C-alpha atoms as a PDB file:
ATOM      1  CA  MET A   1      -0.245   0.085  -0.195  1.00  0.00           C
ATOM      2  CA  GLU A   2       1.488   3.292  -1.129  1.00  0.00           C
ATOM      3  CA  ARG A   3       1.757   6.190   1.843  1.00  0.00           C
ATOM      4  CA  PHE A   4       2.840   9.603   1.262  1.00  0.00           C
ATOM      5  CA  LEU A   5       5.568  11.247   3.337  1.00  0.00           C
ATOM      6  CA  LEU A   6       5.549  15.016   4.475  1.00  0.00           C
ATOM      7  CA  PHE A   7       8.624  16.540   4.984  1.00  0.00           C
ATOM      8  CA  ILE A   8       9.215  20.211   6.221  1.00  0.00           C
ATOM      9  CA  ARG A   9      12.261  21.786   7.003  1.00  0.00           C
ATOM     10  CA  ASP A  10      11.385  25.141   8.431  1.00  0.00           C
ATOM     11  CA  THR A  11      14.418  27.779   9.092  1.00  0.00           C
ATOM     12  CA  ALA A  12      12.084  29.529  11.586  1.00  0.00           C
ATOM     13  CA  ALA A  13      11.502  26.344  13.574  1.00  0.00           C
ATOM     14  CA  ALA A  14      13.551  24.192  15.574  1.00  0.00           C
ATOM     15  CA  ASP A  15      12.597  20.976  14.599  1.00  0.00           C
ATOM     16  CA  ASP A  16      12.093  19.043  11.102  1.00  0.00           C
ATOM     17  CA  VAL A  17       8.711  17.621  10.557  1.00  0.00           C
ATOM     18  CA  ALA A  18       8.170  14.223   8.889  1.00  0.00           C
ATOM     19  CA  ASP A  19       4.551  12.555   8.892  1.00  0.00           C
ATOM     20  CA  ILE A  20       3.245   9.875   6.755  1.00  0.00           C
ATOM     21  CA  HIS A  21      -0.293  10.020   5.265  1.00  0.00           C
ATOM     22  CA  PRO A  22      -2.655   7.779   3.741  1.00  0.00           C
ATOM     23  CA  ASP A  23      -3.239   9.789   0.368  1.00  0.00           C
ATOM     24  CA  GLU A  24      -1.075  12.934  -1.251  1.00  0.00           C
ATOM     25  CA  SER A  25      -4.367  15.057  -0.372  1.00  0.00           C
ATOM     26  CA  SER A  26      -3.983  14.262   3.203  1.00  0.00           C
ATOM     27  CA  ALA A  27      -0.485  15.187   2.972  1.00  0.00           C
ATOM     28  CA  ARG A  28      -1.160  18.328   1.199  1.00  0.00           C
ATOM     29  CA  LYS A  29      -3.982  19.510   3.690  1.00  0.00           C
ATOM     30  CA  ALA A  30      -1.249  18.721   6.926  1.00  0.00           C
ATOM     31  CA  LEU A  31       1.150  21.210   5.075  1.00  0.00           C
ATOM     32  CA  ALA A  32      -1.361  24.017   4.440  1.00  0.00           C
ATOM     33  CA  ALA A  33      -2.304  23.601   8.370  1.00  0.00           C
ATOM     34  CA  TYR A  34       1.170  23.738   9.347  1.00  0.00           C
ATOM     35  CA  VAL A  35       2.007  26.903   7.137  1.00  0.00           C
ATOM     36  CA  ARG A  36      -1.384  28.607   8.409  1.00  0.00           C
ATOM     37  CA  ARG A  37      -0.167  27.589  12.176  1.00  0.00           C
ATOM     38  CA  ARG A  38       3.195  28.857  11.987  1.00  0.00           C
ATOM     39  CA  THR A  39       1.966  32.342   9.949  1.00  0.00           C
ATOM     40  CA  ARG A  40      -0.703  33.195  12.565  1.00  0.00           C
ATOM     41  CA  GLU A  41       2.109  32.504  15.250  1.00  0.00           C
ATOM     42  CA  GLN A  42       4.666  34.731  13.664  1.00  0.00           C
ATOM     43  CA  GLY A  43       1.942  37.493  13.058  1.00  0.00           C
ATOM     44  CA  ARG A  44       2.202  37.615   9.456  1.00  0.00           C
ATOM     45  CA  PRO A  45      -0.905  38.343   7.239  1.00  0.00           C
ATOM     46  CA  MET A  46      -3.081  34.989   5.911  1.00  0.00           C
ATOM     47  CA  PRO A  47      -3.612  34.492   2.298  1.00  0.00           C
ATOM     48  CA  ILE A  48      -7.192  32.923   1.950  1.00  0.00           C
ATOM     49  CA  ASN A  49      -5.892  30.582  -0.755  1.00  0.00           C
ATOM     50  CA  ASP A  50      -3.660  27.518   0.847  1.00  0.00           C
ATOM     51  CA  ASP A  51      -1.746  27.409  -2.376  1.00  0.00           C
ATOM     52  CA  VAL A  52      -0.816  31.106  -2.105  1.00  0.00           C
ATOM     53  CA  ALA A  53      -0.112  30.523   1.510  1.00  0.00           C
ATOM     54  CA  ILE A  54       2.353  27.533   1.103  1.00  0.00           C
ATOM     55  CA  ALA A  55       3.846  29.358  -1.838  1.00  0.00           C
ATOM     56  CA  SER A  56       4.772  32.528   0.344  1.00  0.00           C
ATOM     57  CA  TYR A  57       5.729  30.913   3.399  1.00  0.00           C
ATOM     58  CA  PHE A  58       8.120  29.011   1.950  1.00  0.00           C
ATOM     59  CA  GLU A  59       9.862  32.028  -0.132  1.00  0.00           C
ATOM     60  CA  ALA A  60      12.181  32.180   3.069  1.00  0.00           C
ATOM     61  CA  ASP A  61      15.539  31.109   2.333  1.00  0.00           C
ATOM     62  CA  GLY A  62      16.335  27.464   3.368  1.00  0.00           C
ATOM     63  CA  ALA A  63      12.761  26.450   4.113  1.00  0.00           C
ATOM     64  CA  LEU A  64      11.508  23.751   1.913  1.00  0.00           C
ATOM     65  CA  TYR A  65       8.791  20.900   1.865  1.00  0.00           C
ATOM     66  CA  ALA A  66       8.478  17.657   0.255  1.00  0.00           C
ATOM     67  CA  ILE A  67       5.233  15.426  -0.304  1.00  0.00           C
ATOM     68  CA  ALA A  68       6.794  12.028  -1.753  1.00  0.00           C
ATOM     69  CA  ARG A  69       4.875   8.742  -2.770  1.00  0.00           C
ATOM     70  CA  ILE A  70       6.521   6.087  -0.992  1.00  0.00           C
ATOM     71  CA  SER A  71       5.433   2.127  -0.810  1.00  0.00           C
ATOM     72  CA  PRO A  72       7.007  -0.490   0.917  1.00  0.00           C
ATOM     73  CA  ALA A  73       9.646  -2.649   0.010  1.00  0.00           C
ATOM     74  CA  ARG A  74       9.234  -6.067  -1.758  1.00  0.00           C
END
């Protein structure tokens, strides 16, 4: 069964984030929730659209994310 890995390296946070999700959609929702939470904590303006929020958040140097399909070894 395939799963999706969400990896976040955020220069403004102390720790990297790595989570496994059942599908790409839930990984993307978790990414948007992370971005919205961090944006709110930083007191920055919140874009309405998730895609815009994600793109603007990860414009910072060194901040990155990846959503990757993983599957069990055979």
